[in-house]
């Protein structure tokens, strides 16, 4: 590479850096709440992508009663230094925890309410016997299940139901679908005390 080319590249790089620095100095950003930043970014994305702005979380929440995740914001209000377990987390982190958790639960609701997504062969979905995950009692697992003749975990019972009443194929124990369905069933019993083994 010639010395003139190197000099031209160095000049362009300096101009770019200077432009970035001037832009930063001219427009100091005011601190925005993490929720406002996230909402603003999502609104911009939806405006640029009207055909892709899928409202699946909101739509599922409107169709089915879904319990909200716990509000973890009080964890950040106490006196927490760097040595505290929550000392390095921010409001944005707490917001992300809630949104990601809710997305998993909502995906579980979508599967729970869909015979097709469950892989059923007779048009039956979980909600036909368990509307909004009623009468699933995840807080009682592990427990002895007479249908199986052994102690079962919640995911074992989910698969038994998929294989028998739904007439579908069992989900892999740690598949995204199993994790989502299990999360939805657990979320719907929010506030109920654990009491494993209870019938």
N, C-alpha and C. Protein backbone atom coordinates (compact mmCIF):
# COMPACT_ATOMS: atom_id res chain seq x y z
N UNK A 1 0.85 -1.16 0.00
CA UNK A 1 0.00 0.00 0.00
C UNK A 1 0.91 1.23 0.00
N UNK A 2 0.61 2.19 -0.87
CA UNK A 2 1.45 3.38 -0.98
C UNK A 2 1.25 4.28 0.23
N UNK A 3 2.23 5.18 0.42
CA UNK A 3 2.15 6.10 1.56
C UNK A 3 0.98 7.07 1.38
N UNK A 4 0.64 7.44 0.13
CA UNK A 4 -0.51 8.33 -0.10
C UNK A 4 -1.82 7.65 0.30
N UNK A 5 -1.94 6.36 0.00
CA UNK A 5 -3.14 5.61 0.37
C UNK A 5 -3.26 5.50 1.88
N UNK A 6 -2.12 5.23 2.54
CA UNK A 6 -2.13 5.14 3.99
C UNK A 6 -2.53 6.47 4.61
N UNK A 7 -1.99 7.57 4.07
CA UNK A 7 -2.30 8.90 4.58
C UNK A 7 -3.78 9.20 4.38
N UNK A 8 -4.34 8.84 3.24
CA UNK A 8 -5.77 9.08 2.96
C UNK A 8 -6.65 8.29 3.93
N UNK A 9 -6.30 7.04 4.20
CA UNK A 9 -7.06 6.21 5.14
C UNK A 9 -7.00 6.82 6.54
N UNK A 10 -5.82 7.29 6.95
CA UNK A 10 -5.66 7.90 8.28
C UNK A 10 -6.51 9.17 8.39
N UNK A 11 -6.56 9.97 7.33
CA UNK A 11 -7.36 11.21 7.35
C UNK A 11 -8.85 10.87 7.47
N UNK A 12 -9.30 9.89 6.68
CA UNK A 12 -10.72 9.49 6.74
C UNK A 12 -11.06 8.98 8.14
N UNK A 13 -10.19 8.18 8.72
CA UNK A 13 -10.42 7.65 10.07
C UNK A 13 -10.52 8.77 11.08
N UNK A 14 -9.63 9.77 10.97
CA UNK A 14 -9.67 10.92 11.90
C UNK A 14 -10.96 11.71 11.75
N UNK A 15 -11.41 11.90 10.52
CA UNK A 15 -12.66 12.64 10.28
C UNK A 15 -13.84 11.89 10.89
N UNK A 16 -13.88 10.58 10.72
CA UNK A 16 -14.98 9.78 11.28
C UNK A 16 -14.98 9.87 12.80
N UNK A 17 -13.81 9.70 13.42
CA UNK A 17 -13.71 9.77 14.88
C UNK A 17 -14.12 11.15 15.37
N UNK A 18 -13.64 12.21 14.70
CA UNK A 18 -14.00 13.57 15.09
C UNK A 18 -15.51 13.78 14.99
N UNK A 19 -16.11 13.26 13.93
CA UNK A 19 -17.57 13.39 13.76
C UNK A 19 -18.34 12.71 14.88
N UNK A 20 -17.88 11.54 15.27
CA UNK A 20 -18.53 10.81 16.35
C UNK A 20 -18.41 11.58 17.66
N UNK A 21 -17.19 12.10 17.93
CA UNK A 21 -16.98 12.86 19.17
C UNK A 21 -17.83 14.12 19.20
N UNK A 22 -17.87 14.85 18.10
CA UNK A 22 -18.68 16.08 18.04
C UNK A 22 -20.15 15.74 18.24
N UNK A 23 -20.62 14.65 17.62
CA UNK A 23 -22.01 14.23 17.78
C UNK A 23 -22.33 13.92 19.22
N UNK A 24 -21.39 13.28 19.90
CA UNK A 24 -21.61 12.95 21.32
C UNK A 24 -21.64 14.20 22.18
N UNK A 25 -20.80 15.17 21.86
CA UNK A 25 -20.76 16.39 22.65
C UNK A 25 -21.98 17.27 22.40
N UNK A 26 -22.44 17.30 21.15
CA UNK A 26 -23.57 18.17 20.80
C UNK A 26 -24.89 17.66 21.36
N UNK A 27 -25.06 16.35 21.44
CA UNK A 27 -26.35 15.80 21.86
C UNK A 27 -26.19 14.91 23.09
N UNK A 28 -25.97 15.50 24.26
CA UNK A 28 -25.90 14.63 25.43
C UNK A 28 -27.27 14.01 25.70
N UNK A 29 -27.29 12.72 25.86
CA UNK A 29 -28.56 12.01 26.06
C UNK A 29 -28.98 12.10 27.52
N UNK A 30 -30.26 12.36 27.70
CA UNK A 30 -30.81 12.35 29.05
C UNK A 30 -31.07 10.89 29.43
N UNK A 31 -30.90 10.62 30.70
CA UNK A 31 -31.14 9.26 31.18
C UNK A 31 -32.61 8.92 31.06
N UNK A 32 -32.90 7.80 30.43
CA UNK A 32 -34.27 7.34 30.27
C UNK A 32 -34.46 6.07 31.09
N UNK A 33 -35.66 5.87 31.57
CA UNK A 33 -35.97 4.64 32.29
C UNK A 33 -35.83 3.46 31.33
N UNK A 34 -35.31 2.33 31.80
CA UNK A 34 -35.13 1.17 30.92
C UNK A 34 -36.41 0.75 30.21
N UNK A 35 -37.54 0.80 30.91
CA UNK A 35 -38.81 0.41 30.28
C UNK A 35 -39.14 1.35 29.13
N UNK A 36 -38.87 2.65 29.31
CA UNK A 36 -39.15 3.62 28.25
C UNK A 36 -38.23 3.40 27.05
N UNK A 37 -36.97 3.08 27.31
CA UNK A 37 -36.02 2.80 26.21
C UNK A 37 -36.49 1.57 25.44
N UNK A 38 -36.84 0.50 26.16
CA UNK A 38 -37.29 -0.73 25.50
C UNK A 38 -38.56 -0.47 24.68
N UNK A 39 -39.50 0.26 25.26
CA UNK A 39 -40.75 0.55 24.55
C UNK A 39 -40.49 1.40 23.31
N UNK A 40 -39.59 2.37 23.44
CA UNK A 40 -39.26 3.24 22.30
C UNK A 40 -38.61 2.45 21.17
N UNK A 41 -37.68 1.57 21.51
CA UNK A 41 -37.03 0.74 20.48
C UNK A 41 -38.04 -0.19 19.80
N UNK A 42 -38.94 -0.78 20.60
CA UNK A 42 -39.95 -1.66 20.02
C UNK A 42 -40.89 -0.89 19.11
N UNK A 43 -41.29 0.30 19.51
CA UNK A 43 -42.18 1.12 18.67
C UNK A 43 -41.51 1.48 17.34
N UNK A 44 -40.22 1.82 17.40
CA UNK A 44 -39.48 2.13 16.17
C UNK A 44 -39.40 0.91 15.26
N UNK A 45 -39.11 -0.26 15.86
CA UNK A 45 -39.00 -1.48 15.06
C UNK A 45 -40.33 -1.80 14.41
N UNK A 46 -41.43 -1.71 15.16
CA UNK A 46 -42.75 -2.00 14.60
C UNK A 46 -43.11 -1.05 13.48
N UNK A 47 -42.70 0.22 13.60
CA UNK A 47 -42.99 1.20 12.55
C UNK A 47 -42.21 0.86 11.27
N UNK A 48 -40.96 0.42 11.43
CA UNK A 48 -40.15 0.05 10.26
C UNK A 48 -40.52 -1.31 9.68
N UNK A 49 -41.16 -2.17 10.49
CA UNK A 49 -41.49 -3.53 10.07
C UNK A 49 -42.96 -3.85 10.33
N UNK A 50 -43.87 -3.15 9.67
CA UNK A 50 -45.29 -3.35 9.99
C UNK A 50 -45.78 -4.77 9.72
N UNK A 51 -45.21 -5.45 8.73
CA UNK A 51 -45.66 -6.81 8.41
C UNK A 51 -45.09 -7.85 9.37
N UNK A 52 -43.99 -7.49 10.05
CA UNK A 52 -43.34 -8.44 10.94
C UNK A 52 -43.63 -8.15 12.41
N UNK A 53 -44.36 -7.12 12.70
CA UNK A 53 -44.64 -6.72 14.09
C UNK A 53 -45.63 -7.70 14.70
N UNK A 54 -45.14 -8.87 15.03
CA UNK A 54 -45.98 -9.93 15.56
C UNK A 54 -46.30 -9.65 17.02
N UNK A 55 -47.57 -9.62 17.33
CA UNK A 55 -48.04 -9.33 18.68
C UNK A 55 -48.37 -10.62 19.43
N UNK A 56 -47.60 -11.68 19.24
CA UNK A 56 -48.01 -12.97 19.77
C UNK A 56 -48.12 -12.99 21.29
N UNK A 57 -47.26 -12.27 22.00
CA UNK A 57 -47.35 -12.27 23.46
C UNK A 57 -48.64 -11.57 23.89
N UNK A 58 -48.88 -10.37 23.33
CA UNK A 58 -50.09 -9.62 23.68
C UNK A 58 -51.35 -10.38 23.28
N UNK A 59 -51.33 -10.97 22.09
CA UNK A 59 -52.51 -11.70 21.61
C UNK A 59 -52.83 -12.90 22.50
N UNK A 60 -51.80 -13.62 22.91
CA UNK A 60 -52.02 -14.78 23.76
C UNK A 60 -52.53 -14.35 25.14
N UNK A 61 -51.98 -13.23 25.64
CA UNK A 61 -52.44 -12.70 26.92
C UNK A 61 -53.90 -12.28 26.84
N UNK A 62 -54.32 -11.74 25.69
CA UNK A 62 -55.72 -11.33 25.51
C UNK A 62 -56.65 -12.54 25.42
N UNK A 63 -56.17 -13.63 24.81
CA UNK A 63 -56.99 -14.83 24.62
C UNK A 63 -57.15 -15.65 25.89
N UNK A 64 -56.07 -15.73 26.68
CA UNK A 64 -56.06 -16.61 27.85
C UNK A 64 -55.53 -15.85 29.07
N UNK A 65 -56.11 -16.15 30.19
CA UNK A 65 -55.68 -15.53 31.45
C UNK A 65 -54.31 -16.09 31.82
N UNK A 66 -53.28 -15.27 31.76
CA UNK A 66 -51.93 -15.71 32.07
C UNK A 66 -51.42 -14.89 33.26
N UNK A 67 -50.95 -15.58 34.27
CA UNK A 67 -50.43 -14.92 35.46
C UNK A 67 -49.14 -14.17 35.11
N UNK A 68 -48.97 -12.95 35.61
CA UNK A 68 -47.72 -12.21 35.34
C UNK A 68 -46.58 -12.75 36.19
N UNK A 69 -45.34 -12.57 35.72
CA UNK A 69 -44.21 -13.00 36.53
C UNK A 69 -44.04 -12.08 37.75
N UNK A 70 -43.27 -12.53 38.69
CA UNK A 70 -43.01 -11.73 39.90
C UNK A 70 -42.34 -10.41 39.54
N UNK A 71 -42.63 -9.38 40.32
CA UNK A 71 -41.99 -8.08 40.16
C UNK A 71 -40.72 -8.08 41.01
N UNK A 72 -39.58 -8.09 40.36
CA UNK A 72 -38.31 -8.14 41.07
C UNK A 72 -37.70 -6.76 41.33
N UNK A 73 -38.41 -5.69 40.97
CA UNK A 73 -37.84 -4.36 41.14
C UNK A 73 -37.49 -4.01 42.59
N UNK A 74 -38.22 -4.54 43.61
CA UNK A 74 -37.81 -4.22 44.98
C UNK A 74 -36.38 -4.65 45.32
N UNK A 75 -35.86 -5.64 44.59
CA UNK A 75 -34.48 -6.08 44.84
C UNK A 75 -33.48 -4.96 44.63
N UNK A 76 -33.82 -4.01 43.76
CA UNK A 76 -32.89 -2.95 43.40
C UNK A 76 -33.05 -1.71 44.26
N UNK A 77 -34.06 -1.68 45.13
CA UNK A 77 -34.33 -0.48 45.91
C UNK A 77 -33.60 -0.47 47.25
N UNK A 78 -33.14 -1.61 47.70
CA UNK A 78 -32.45 -1.68 48.99
C UNK A 78 -31.01 -1.18 48.83
N UNK A 79 -30.34 -1.03 49.95
CA UNK A 79 -28.94 -0.62 49.94
C UNK A 79 -28.10 -1.80 49.45
N UNK A 80 -27.64 -1.72 48.23
CA UNK A 80 -26.90 -2.84 47.66
C UNK A 80 -25.60 -2.36 47.05
N UNK A 81 -24.52 -2.80 47.64
CA UNK A 81 -23.21 -2.46 47.11
C UNK A 81 -22.73 -3.53 46.16
N UNK A 82 -21.54 -3.37 45.69
CA UNK A 82 -20.97 -4.31 44.72
C UNK A 82 -20.83 -5.72 45.29
N UNK A 83 -20.74 -5.86 46.60
CA UNK A 83 -20.58 -7.18 47.18
C UNK A 83 -21.90 -7.93 47.31
N UNK A 84 -23.02 -7.22 47.14
CA UNK A 84 -24.34 -7.85 47.26
C UNK A 84 -24.65 -8.64 46.00
N UNK A 85 -25.40 -9.74 46.16
CA UNK A 85 -25.70 -10.61 45.01
C UNK A 85 -26.43 -9.86 43.89
N UNK A 86 -27.24 -8.84 44.23
CA UNK A 86 -27.93 -8.06 43.20
C UNK A 86 -27.29 -6.70 42.97
N UNK A 87 -26.06 -6.52 43.46
CA UNK A 87 -25.40 -5.23 43.33
C UNK A 87 -25.03 -4.84 41.92
N UNK A 88 -24.89 -5.80 41.03
CA UNK A 88 -24.47 -5.49 39.67
C UNK A 88 -25.61 -5.51 38.67
N UNK A 89 -26.85 -5.57 39.14
CA UNK A 89 -27.99 -5.59 38.23
C UNK A 89 -28.66 -4.23 38.18
N UNK A 90 -29.34 -3.99 37.07
CA UNK A 90 -29.99 -2.69 36.85
C UNK A 90 -31.49 -2.89 36.62
N UNK A 91 -32.19 -1.77 36.50
CA UNK A 91 -33.62 -1.83 36.16
C UNK A 91 -33.83 -2.55 34.83
N UNK A 92 -32.91 -2.31 33.91
CA UNK A 92 -33.01 -2.95 32.60
C UNK A 92 -32.92 -4.47 32.73
N UNK A 93 -32.02 -4.94 33.60
CA UNK A 93 -31.89 -6.39 33.83
C UNK A 93 -33.20 -6.96 34.37
N UNK A 94 -33.77 -6.29 35.36
CA UNK A 94 -35.02 -6.76 35.97
C UNK A 94 -36.13 -6.80 34.93
N UNK A 95 -36.19 -5.78 34.10
CA UNK A 95 -37.19 -5.74 33.03
C UNK A 95 -37.00 -6.91 32.07
N UNK A 96 -35.75 -7.19 31.70
CA UNK A 96 -35.45 -8.30 30.79
C UNK A 96 -35.82 -9.64 31.42
N UNK A 97 -35.53 -9.82 32.72
CA UNK A 97 -35.89 -11.07 33.41
C UNK A 97 -37.38 -11.32 33.28
N UNK A 98 -38.17 -10.30 33.58
CA UNK A 98 -39.62 -10.44 33.53
C UNK A 98 -40.13 -10.74 32.14
N UNK A 99 -39.62 -10.00 31.15
CA UNK A 99 -40.10 -10.19 29.77
C UNK A 99 -39.73 -11.55 29.22
N UNK A 100 -38.50 -12.00 29.47
CA UNK A 100 -38.08 -13.30 28.96
C UNK A 100 -38.84 -14.44 29.64
N UNK A 101 -39.07 -14.29 30.93
CA UNK A 101 -39.83 -15.31 31.66
C UNK A 101 -41.26 -15.37 31.13
N UNK A 102 -41.87 -14.20 30.95
CA UNK A 102 -43.24 -14.16 30.45
C UNK A 102 -43.33 -14.74 29.04
N UNK A 103 -42.34 -14.48 28.19
CA UNK A 103 -42.35 -15.04 26.84
C UNK A 103 -42.36 -16.56 26.85
N UNK A 104 -41.57 -17.15 27.76
CA UNK A 104 -41.55 -18.62 27.85
C UNK A 104 -42.91 -19.14 28.30
N UNK A 105 -43.52 -18.49 29.29
CA UNK A 105 -44.83 -18.90 29.79
C UNK A 105 -45.89 -18.74 28.71
N UNK A 106 -45.85 -17.63 27.98
CA UNK A 106 -46.82 -17.39 26.92
C UNK A 106 -46.66 -18.41 25.80
N UNK A 107 -45.43 -18.76 25.46
CA UNK A 107 -45.21 -19.81 24.45
C UNK A 107 -45.80 -21.13 24.94
N UNK A 108 -45.66 -21.41 26.23
CA UNK A 108 -46.28 -22.60 26.79
C UNK A 108 -47.78 -22.58 26.67
N UNK A 109 -48.39 -21.41 26.86
CA UNK A 109 -49.83 -21.27 26.70
C UNK A 109 -50.25 -21.56 25.26
N UNK A 110 -49.46 -21.08 24.31
CA UNK A 110 -49.78 -21.32 22.89
C UNK A 110 -49.77 -22.82 22.58
N UNK A 111 -48.79 -23.53 23.11
CA UNK A 111 -48.71 -24.98 22.88
C UNK A 111 -49.84 -25.69 23.61
N UNK A 112 -50.06 -25.33 24.86
CA UNK A 112 -51.07 -25.94 25.71
C UNK A 112 -52.46 -25.87 25.08
N UNK A 113 -52.74 -24.77 24.39
CA UNK A 113 -54.06 -24.54 23.81
C UNK A 113 -54.17 -24.97 22.34
N UNK A 114 -53.17 -25.69 21.82
CA UNK A 114 -53.17 -26.05 20.40
C UNK A 114 -52.93 -27.54 20.19
N UNK A 115 -53.93 -28.22 19.67
CA UNK A 115 -53.77 -29.65 19.37
C UNK A 115 -52.66 -29.86 18.34
N UNK A 116 -52.59 -28.96 17.36
CA UNK A 116 -51.55 -29.09 16.33
C UNK A 116 -50.16 -28.96 16.91
N UNK A 117 -49.95 -27.96 17.76
CA UNK A 117 -48.62 -27.74 18.32
C UNK A 117 -48.24 -28.83 19.31
N UNK A 118 -49.22 -29.47 19.92
CA UNK A 118 -48.96 -30.60 20.81
C UNK A 118 -48.67 -31.87 20.03
N UNK A 119 -48.96 -31.86 18.73
CA UNK A 119 -48.75 -33.05 17.91
C UNK A 119 -49.87 -34.06 18.06
N UNK A 120 -51.02 -33.60 18.52
CA UNK A 120 -52.16 -34.49 18.68
C UNK A 120 -52.70 -34.99 17.35
N UNK A 121 -53.34 -36.14 17.40
CA UNK A 121 -53.87 -36.74 16.16
C UNK A 121 -55.40 -36.75 16.13
N UNK A 122 -56.04 -36.30 17.23
CA UNK A 122 -57.51 -36.35 17.26
C UNK A 122 -58.13 -34.98 17.57
N UNK A 123 -57.36 -33.91 17.41
CA UNK A 123 -57.89 -32.56 17.59
C UNK A 123 -58.11 -32.16 19.04
N UNK A 124 -57.43 -32.80 19.97
CA UNK A 124 -57.59 -32.51 21.40
C UNK A 124 -56.36 -31.74 21.89
N UNK A 125 -56.59 -30.69 22.68
CA UNK A 125 -55.50 -29.96 23.30
C UNK A 125 -55.65 -30.03 24.82
N UNK A 126 -54.64 -29.63 25.53
CA UNK A 126 -54.64 -29.72 27.00
C UNK A 126 -55.80 -28.95 27.63
N UNK A 127 -56.13 -27.80 27.04
CA UNK A 127 -57.14 -26.95 27.66
C UNK A 127 -58.55 -27.53 27.59
N UNK A 128 -58.74 -28.57 26.82
CA UNK A 128 -60.07 -29.20 26.76
C UNK A 128 -60.42 -29.85 28.11
N UNK A 129 -59.41 -30.36 28.80
CA UNK A 129 -59.62 -30.92 30.14
C UNK A 129 -59.19 -29.95 31.23
N UNK A 130 -58.29 -29.05 30.88
CA UNK A 130 -57.69 -28.15 31.88
C UNK A 130 -57.75 -26.69 31.39
N UNK A 131 -58.92 -26.05 31.37
CA UNK A 131 -58.99 -24.66 30.91
C UNK A 131 -58.06 -23.76 31.72
N UNK A 132 -57.23 -22.99 31.02
CA UNK A 132 -56.25 -22.11 31.66
C UNK A 132 -55.39 -22.86 32.68
N UNK A 133 -55.10 -24.11 32.39
CA UNK A 133 -54.26 -24.99 33.22
C UNK A 133 -54.89 -25.34 34.56
N UNK A 134 -56.22 -25.27 34.65
CA UNK A 134 -56.92 -25.63 35.89
C UNK A 134 -56.76 -27.13 36.16
N UNK A 135 -56.76 -27.49 37.42
CA UNK A 135 -56.73 -28.89 37.86
C UNK A 135 -55.49 -29.64 37.38
N UNK A 136 -54.38 -28.92 37.24
CA UNK A 136 -53.12 -29.58 36.89
C UNK A 136 -52.25 -29.79 38.13
N UNK A 137 -52.39 -28.97 39.12
CA UNK A 137 -51.72 -29.07 40.42
C UNK A 137 -50.22 -29.35 40.33
N UNK A 138 -49.46 -28.51 39.64
CA UNK A 138 -48.02 -28.76 39.53
C UNK A 138 -47.30 -28.69 40.88
N UNK A 139 -47.94 -28.02 41.84
CA UNK A 139 -47.31 -27.88 43.17
C UNK A 139 -47.29 -29.20 43.94
N UNK A 140 -47.98 -30.23 43.43
CA UNK A 140 -48.04 -31.52 44.13
C UNK A 140 -47.02 -32.53 43.60
N UNK A 141 -46.25 -32.16 42.59
CA UNK A 141 -45.25 -33.07 42.02
C UNK A 141 -43.91 -32.85 42.69
N UNK A 142 -43.12 -33.92 42.84
CA UNK A 142 -43.32 -35.30 42.41
C UNK A 142 -44.35 -36.01 43.29
N UNK A 143 -45.05 -36.96 42.68
CA UNK A 143 -46.01 -37.78 43.41
C UNK A 143 -46.24 -39.09 42.67
N UNK A 144 -46.78 -40.06 43.39
CA UNK A 144 -47.08 -41.35 42.78
C UNK A 144 -48.28 -41.18 41.87
N UNK A 145 -48.14 -41.59 40.60
CA UNK A 145 -49.24 -41.51 39.64
C UNK A 145 -49.71 -42.92 39.32
N UNK A 146 -50.94 -43.21 39.71
CA UNK A 146 -51.49 -44.55 39.50
C UNK A 146 -51.48 -44.94 38.03
N UNK A 147 -51.74 -43.97 37.12
CA UNK A 147 -51.76 -44.27 35.68
C UNK A 147 -50.43 -44.85 35.21
N UNK A 148 -49.34 -44.40 35.83
CA UNK A 148 -48.01 -44.84 35.41
C UNK A 148 -47.44 -45.91 36.31
N UNK A 149 -48.00 -46.07 37.51
CA UNK A 149 -47.50 -47.06 38.45
C UNK A 149 -46.16 -46.69 39.05
N UNK A 150 -45.87 -45.39 39.11
CA UNK A 150 -44.59 -44.94 39.66
C UNK A 150 -44.69 -43.48 40.08
N UNK A 151 -43.64 -43.00 40.74
CA UNK A 151 -43.56 -41.59 41.09
C UNK A 151 -43.21 -40.82 39.83
N UNK A 152 -43.96 -39.74 39.61
CA UNK A 152 -43.78 -38.96 38.38
C UNK A 152 -43.46 -37.50 38.71
N UNK A 153 -42.73 -36.88 37.80
CA UNK A 153 -42.53 -35.43 37.82
C UNK A 153 -43.63 -34.80 36.97
N UNK A 154 -43.78 -33.49 37.07
CA UNK A 154 -44.79 -32.81 36.27
C UNK A 154 -44.61 -33.11 34.78
N UNK A 155 -43.38 -33.09 34.30
CA UNK A 155 -43.14 -33.33 32.87
C UNK A 155 -43.53 -34.76 32.47
N UNK A 156 -43.42 -35.71 33.39
CA UNK A 156 -43.86 -37.07 33.09
C UNK A 156 -45.37 -37.09 32.87
N UNK A 157 -46.10 -36.36 33.71
CA UNK A 157 -47.56 -36.32 33.59
C UNK A 157 -47.98 -35.57 32.32
N UNK A 158 -47.25 -34.51 31.98
CA UNK A 158 -47.53 -33.79 30.74
C UNK A 158 -47.41 -34.76 29.56
N UNK A 159 -46.33 -35.53 29.53
CA UNK A 159 -46.14 -36.48 28.43
C UNK A 159 -47.19 -37.59 28.44
N UNK A 160 -47.60 -38.04 29.63
CA UNK A 160 -48.64 -39.06 29.68
C UNK A 160 -49.92 -38.51 29.04
N UNK A 161 -50.25 -37.27 29.36
CA UNK A 161 -51.46 -36.65 28.78
C UNK A 161 -51.32 -36.47 27.27
N UNK A 162 -50.14 -36.07 26.82
CA UNK A 162 -49.93 -35.90 25.37
C UNK A 162 -50.07 -37.24 24.66
N UNK A 163 -49.56 -38.30 25.24
CA UNK A 163 -49.61 -39.62 24.60
C UNK A 163 -50.99 -40.26 24.66
N UNK A 164 -51.75 -40.00 25.71
CA UNK A 164 -53.03 -40.69 25.88
C UNK A 164 -54.23 -39.83 25.46
N UNK A 165 -54.71 -38.88 26.26
CA UNK A 165 -55.89 -38.13 25.80
C UNK A 165 -55.65 -37.37 24.49
N UNK A 166 -54.46 -36.79 24.31
CA UNK A 166 -54.17 -35.99 23.11
C UNK A 166 -53.81 -36.88 21.92
N UNK A 167 -53.34 -38.08 22.19
CA UNK A 167 -52.90 -39.03 21.16
C UNK A 167 -51.77 -38.46 20.29
N UNK A 168 -50.78 -37.90 21.00
CA UNK A 168 -49.61 -37.35 20.32
C UNK A 168 -48.35 -38.07 20.75
N UNK A 169 -47.23 -37.57 20.27
CA UNK A 169 -45.93 -38.15 20.58
C UNK A 169 -45.33 -37.38 21.76
N UNK A 170 -44.74 -38.11 22.70
CA UNK A 170 -44.14 -37.48 23.89
C UNK A 170 -43.10 -36.45 23.48
N UNK A 171 -43.01 -35.39 24.27
CA UNK A 171 -42.00 -34.35 24.05
C UNK A 171 -40.70 -34.79 24.74
N UNK A 172 -39.58 -34.44 24.15
CA UNK A 172 -38.29 -34.71 24.80
C UNK A 172 -38.28 -33.95 26.13
N UNK A 173 -37.80 -34.57 27.20
CA UNK A 173 -37.89 -33.97 28.53
C UNK A 173 -37.34 -32.55 28.65
N UNK A 174 -36.29 -32.22 27.91
CA UNK A 174 -35.74 -30.87 28.02
C UNK A 174 -35.90 -30.09 26.72
N UNK A 175 -36.89 -30.45 25.92
CA UNK A 175 -37.12 -29.73 24.67
C UNK A 175 -37.69 -28.34 24.97
N UNK A 176 -37.54 -27.38 24.06
CA UNK A 176 -38.13 -26.06 24.27
C UNK A 176 -39.64 -26.13 24.49
N UNK A 177 -40.30 -27.07 23.81
CA UNK A 177 -41.76 -27.20 23.96
C UNK A 177 -42.13 -27.69 25.36
N UNK A 178 -41.42 -28.69 25.86
CA UNK A 178 -41.70 -29.20 27.21
C UNK A 178 -41.44 -28.13 28.25
N UNK A 179 -40.32 -27.44 28.11
CA UNK A 179 -39.99 -26.38 29.07
C UNK A 179 -41.06 -25.30 29.07
N UNK A 180 -41.57 -24.95 27.89
CA UNK A 180 -42.58 -23.91 27.79
C UNK A 180 -43.90 -24.35 28.41
N UNK A 181 -44.35 -25.56 28.11
CA UNK A 181 -45.61 -26.07 28.67
C UNK A 181 -45.50 -26.18 30.18
N UNK A 182 -44.40 -26.71 30.66
CA UNK A 182 -44.18 -26.84 32.10
C UNK A 182 -44.18 -25.45 32.76
N UNK A 183 -43.52 -24.49 32.13
CA UNK A 183 -43.47 -23.13 32.68
C UNK A 183 -44.87 -22.53 32.76
N UNK A 184 -45.67 -22.73 31.72
CA UNK A 184 -47.04 -22.20 31.71
C UNK A 184 -47.87 -22.81 32.84
N UNK A 185 -47.82 -24.12 32.98
CA UNK A 185 -48.62 -24.79 34.03
C UNK A 185 -48.19 -24.31 35.41
N UNK A 186 -46.88 -24.20 35.64
CA UNK A 186 -46.39 -23.71 36.93
C UNK A 186 -46.82 -22.27 37.17
N UNK A 187 -46.72 -21.44 36.14
CA UNK A 187 -47.07 -20.02 36.28
C UNK A 187 -48.53 -19.83 36.64
N UNK A 188 -49.38 -20.68 36.12
CA UNK A 188 -50.82 -20.54 36.37
C UNK A 188 -51.19 -20.84 37.83
N UNK A 189 -50.30 -21.47 38.56
CA UNK A 189 -50.56 -21.77 39.97
C UNK A 189 -49.78 -20.82 40.89
N UNK A 190 -49.47 -19.66 40.39
CA UNK A 190 -48.73 -18.65 41.15
C UNK A 190 -49.38 -18.42 42.50
N UNK A 191 -48.57 -18.43 43.54
CA UNK A 191 -49.07 -18.16 44.88
C UNK A 191 -49.51 -19.38 45.66
N UNK A 192 -49.59 -20.54 45.01
CA UNK A 192 -50.02 -21.77 45.71
C UNK A 192 -48.80 -22.43 46.34
N UNK A 193 -48.93 -22.83 47.59
CA UNK A 193 -47.79 -23.44 48.31
C UNK A 193 -47.45 -24.81 47.74
N UNK A 194 -46.16 -25.12 47.72
CA UNK A 194 -45.71 -26.45 47.30
C UNK A 194 -46.15 -27.49 48.33
N UNK A 195 -46.60 -28.63 47.84
CA UNK A 195 -47.03 -29.71 48.73
C UNK A 195 -46.85 -31.04 48.00
N UNK A 196 -45.58 -31.41 47.75
CA UNK A 196 -45.31 -32.56 46.90
C UNK A 196 -45.90 -33.84 47.49
N UNK A 197 -46.33 -34.71 46.59
CA UNK A 197 -46.90 -35.99 46.98
C UNK A 197 -48.39 -35.95 47.26
N UNK A 198 -49.00 -34.77 47.24
CA UNK A 198 -50.42 -34.66 47.59
C UNK A 198 -51.32 -35.15 46.45
N UNK A 199 -52.39 -35.86 46.81
CA UNK A 199 -53.40 -36.29 45.83
C UNK A 199 -54.72 -35.62 46.14
